[in-house]
Amino acid sequence: MATAAKGQKPKQTRRVGLKPWAKVMVCILLFPFAAVLLPTTLVFVALMAPTWVAYVTDRSPEKHLAVTVGLMNFSGTLPAIIDLWSRGQSHDAAMIMLADVFIWGVAYGAAMGGWVLFAIMPSIVGSYFKMSTESRIKSLAEQQKALIVEWGHAVASGKEMISVDGEVMEPAGDGEEGPVEVAEAEIVSREAG
């Protein structure tokens, strides 16, 4: 078996994304549309520049930064594209739109929102998971207290229970009789030990 394991190739991680030939095919298919819709292409490429920067600077194979910035940037660019189409999609209309500072502010401001969203989401998600984990720990500690009250300290310590006449009792020598009370500090100290 050891020789079979040595002869096998290590499992490679699958890369997310298009293969080079697929990228070439997408470019070939999109080129006629870009040529026909040249004013739209000019406005789109100019206003989507933050997405291209995010794509180049994002080193992760999944390109989460590029996706986040790209979607936000596209949402800021789309009103300008719609406005261009309502004006007739001419070169003059495209140049007038590219000279408007407000259009640049909306598109680039939305892209900045994507950068901010990408920057703060890990800490927000981490805080959420921390709070939910602490809540779960608290719930489990309360369940453990209830079990110890019902079954005695032998449940927490791992000692065997003795059944006498159908009644479950703790083994002799614990020195505890009567109702069992458990403090929070006692549970924590047993967890640490």
Protein backbone atom coordinates (compact mmCIF):
# COMPACT_ATOMS: atom_id res chain seq x y z
CA MET A 1 0.00 0.00 0.00
CA ALA A 2 2.82 2.37 0.82
CA THR A 3 4.31 1.89 -2.65
CA ALA A 4 0.94 2.65 -4.27
CA ALA A 5 0.69 5.86 -2.26
CA LYS A 6 4.20 6.86 -3.30
CA GLY A 7 3.45 6.24 -6.98
CA GLN A 8 0.38 8.47 -6.99
CA LYS A 9 0.61 12.10 -7.97
CA PRO A 10 -0.35 14.63 -5.32
CA LYS A 11 -3.85 16.01 -5.68
CA GLN A 12 -3.74 19.41 -7.33
CA THR A 13 -6.10 22.15 -6.33
CA ARG A 14 -8.50 23.17 -9.06
CA ARG A 15 -8.04 26.74 -10.20
CA VAL A 16 -11.12 28.82 -10.55
CA GLY A 17 -11.35 30.82 -13.74
CA LEU A 18 -11.25 30.50 -17.47
CA LYS A 19 -8.60 28.61 -19.34
CA PRO A 20 -6.45 30.61 -21.78
CA TRP A 21 -8.25 29.29 -24.85
CA ALA A 22 -11.60 30.22 -23.30
CA LYS A 23 -10.38 33.77 -22.66
CA VAL A 24 -9.34 34.07 -26.31
CA MET A 25 -12.76 32.81 -27.43
CA VAL A 26 -14.54 35.34 -25.21
CA CYS A 27 -12.41 38.16 -26.67
CA ILE A 28 -13.12 36.98 -30.23
CA LEU A 29 -16.86 36.85 -29.55
CA LEU A 30 -16.97 40.21 -27.75
CA PHE A 31 -14.88 42.10 -30.32
CA PRO A 32 -17.69 42.57 -32.89
CA PHE A 33 -20.04 43.89 -30.20
CA ALA A 34 -17.37 46.28 -28.92
CA ALA A 35 -16.75 47.53 -32.45
CA VAL A 36 -20.43 48.05 -33.20
CA LEU A 37 -21.09 49.66 -29.82
CA LEU A 38 -17.89 51.70 -29.79
CA PRO A 39 -19.25 54.71 -27.83
CA THR A 40 -20.61 52.35 -25.16
CA THR A 41 -17.30 50.48 -25.10
CA LEU A 42 -15.36 53.74 -24.60
CA VAL A 43 -17.56 54.83 -21.68
CA PHE A 44 -17.61 51.33 -20.19
CA VAL A 45 -13.83 50.80 -20.31
CA ALA A 46 -13.08 54.26 -18.91
CA LEU A 47 -15.55 54.00 -16.02
CA MET A 48 -14.68 50.39 -15.17
CA ALA A 49 -10.95 51.14 -14.67
CA PRO A 50 -11.09 50.44 -10.89
CA THR A 51 -12.30 46.92 -11.69
CA TRP A 52 -9.34 46.29 -13.97
CA VAL A 53 -6.99 47.55 -11.24
CA ALA A 54 -8.67 45.31 -8.66
CA TYR A 55 -8.39 42.32 -10.99
CA VAL A 56 -4.68 42.88 -11.56
CA THR A 57 -3.86 43.50 -7.88
CA ASP A 58 -5.96 40.62 -6.50
CA ARG A 59 -3.60 37.66 -6.07
CA SER A 60 -6.17 35.13 -4.81
CA PRO A 61 -7.27 32.50 -7.33
CA GLU A 62 -10.97 33.20 -6.63
CA LYS A 63 -10.57 36.97 -7.27
CA HIS A 64 -13.00 38.00 -4.51
CA LEU A 65 -11.71 41.57 -4.51
CA ALA A 66 -12.17 41.91 -8.26
CA VAL A 67 -15.70 40.52 -8.06
CA THR A 68 -16.72 42.82 -5.20
CA VAL A 69 -15.22 45.95 -6.73
CA GLY A 70 -16.43 44.95 -10.20
CA LEU A 71 -20.06 44.52 -9.20
CA MET A 72 -20.13 47.78 -7.26
CA ASN A 73 -18.30 49.58 -10.08
CA PHE A 74 -20.72 48.17 -12.64
CA SER A 75 -23.68 49.39 -10.57
CA GLY A 76 -22.17 52.89 -10.69
CA THR A 77 -21.39 52.65 -14.42
CA LEU A 78 -24.77 51.30 -15.53
CA PRO A 79 -26.68 54.62 -15.18
CA ALA A 80 -24.13 56.30 -17.46
CA ILE A 81 -24.49 53.53 -20.05
CA ILE A 82 -28.28 53.81 -19.95
CA ASP A 83 -28.04 57.60 -20.29
CA LEU A 84 -25.72 57.16 -23.28
CA TRP A 85 -28.18 54.82 -24.96
CA SER A 86 -31.03 57.27 -24.34
CA ARG A 87 -28.95 60.00 -26.05
CA GLY A 88 -28.51 57.92 -29.18
CA GLN A 89 -25.12 56.30 -28.56
CA SER A 90 -22.98 58.63 -30.61
CA HIS A 91 -19.32 59.55 -30.19
CA ASP A 92 -20.30 63.11 -29.28
CA ALA A 93 -22.63 61.87 -26.51
CA ALA A 94 -19.89 59.56 -25.21
CA MET A 95 -17.38 62.43 -25.06
CA ILE A 96 -19.90 64.68 -23.31
CA MET A 97 -20.52 61.95 -20.74
CA LEU A 98 -16.82 61.36 -20.18
CA ALA A 99 -16.38 65.10 -19.57
CA ASP A 100 -19.01 65.03 -16.79
CA VAL A 101 -17.35 64.88 -13.36
CA PHE A 102 -20.56 63.66 -11.71
CA ILE A 103 -20.58 60.48 -13.85
CA TRP A 104 -16.96 59.76 -12.90
CA GLY A 105 -17.81 60.38 -9.23
CA VAL A 106 -20.73 57.96 -9.26
CA ALA A 107 -18.81 55.16 -11.02
CA TYR A 108 -15.60 55.54 -9.03
CA GLY A 109 -17.48 56.18 -5.77
CA ALA A 110 -19.35 52.90 -6.24
CA ALA A 111 -16.01 51.16 -6.87
CA MET A 112 -14.63 52.72 -3.69
CA GLY A 113 -17.68 51.30 -1.90
CA GLY A 114 -16.65 47.87 -3.19
CA TRP A 115 -13.12 48.31 -1.81
CA VAL A 116 -14.53 49.40 1.56
CA LEU A 117 -17.00 46.53 1.60
CA PHE A 118 -14.21 44.06 0.86
CA ALA A 119 -12.07 45.59 3.61
CA ILE A 120 -14.66 45.59 6.41
CA MET A 121 -16.63 42.39 5.72
CA PRO A 122 -14.06 39.96 7.19
CA SER A 123 -14.12 41.77 10.55
CA ILE A 124 -17.93 41.93 10.54
CA VAL A 125 -18.26 38.23 9.74
CA GLY A 126 -15.58 37.39 12.31
CA SER A 127 -17.44 39.35 14.98
CA TYR A 128 -20.68 37.58 14.12
CA PHE A 129 -19.08 34.14 14.37
CA LYS A 130 -17.36 35.09 17.62
CA MET A 131 -20.68 36.18 19.17
CA SER A 132 -22.51 33.08 17.93
CA THR A 133 -19.73 30.81 19.22
CA GLU A 134 -19.77 32.48 22.64
CA SER A 135 -23.56 32.11 22.74
CA ARG A 136 -23.23 28.42 21.88
CA ILE A 137 -20.58 27.92 24.59
CA LYS A 138 -22.87 29.59 27.13
CA SER A 139 -25.77 27.36 26.06
CA LEU A 140 -23.62 24.23 26.32
CA ALA A 141 -22.37 25.27 29.79
CA GLU A 142 -25.98 25.65 30.95
CA GLN A 143 -26.83 22.23 29.52
CA GLN A 144 -23.80 20.79 31.30
CA LYS A 145 -24.94 22.37 34.59
CA ALA A 146 -28.38 20.82 34.15
CA LEU A 147 -26.86 17.41 33.46
CA ILE A 148 -24.60 17.65 36.50
CA VAL A 149 -27.55 18.67 38.68
CA GLU A 150 -29.58 15.74 37.33
CA TRP A 151 -26.86 13.06 37.19
CA GLY A 152 -24.19 14.29 39.61
CA HIS A 153 -20.53 15.16 39.20
CA ALA A 154 -19.72 11.73 37.83
CA VAL A 155 -21.07 12.88 34.46
CA ALA A 156 -18.51 15.67 34.25
CA SER A 157 -15.59 13.69 35.65
CA GLY A 158 -16.16 10.56 33.57
CA LYS A 159 -16.62 8.21 36.55
CA GLU A 160 -18.86 5.17 36.22
CA MET A 161 -22.31 5.39 37.68
CA ILE A 162 -23.57 2.70 40.08
CA SER A 163 -27.13 1.43 39.79
CA VAL A 164 -28.62 0.30 43.08
CA ASP A 165 -32.21 -0.98 43.03
CA GLY A 166 -32.95 0.90 39.80
CA GLU A 167 -31.62 4.18 41.20
CA VAL A 168 -28.48 5.62 39.67
CA MET A 169 -25.97 6.85 42.23
CA GLU A 170 -22.47 8.23 42.16
CA PRO A 171 -19.70 5.92 43.34
CA ALA A 172 -18.83 6.03 47.00
CA GLY A 173 -15.98 8.21 48.12
CA ASP A 174 -17.08 11.44 46.43
CA GLY A 175 -18.16 12.87 49.75
CA GLU A 176 -21.16 14.56 48.21
CA GLU A 177 -24.67 13.88 49.36
CA GLY A 178 -27.93 15.66 48.76
CA PRO A 179 -28.74 17.96 45.85
CA VAL A 180 -25.83 18.83 43.61
CA GLU A 181 -25.11 22.50 42.98
CA VAL A 182 -22.71 23.52 40.27
CA ALA A 183 -21.01 26.87 39.91
CA GLU A 184 -19.99 28.38 36.59
CA ALA A 185 -16.36 28.55 37.75
CA GLU A 186 -16.42 24.83 38.47
CA ILE A 187 -17.50 24.04 34.90
CA VAL A 188 -14.88 26.32 33.42
CA SER A 189 -12.13 24.85 35.59
CA ARG A 190 -13.10 21.32 34.55
CA GLU A 191 -13.07 22.35 30.89
CA ALA A 192 -9.58 23.82 31.25
CA GLY A 193 -8.26 20.73 33.06
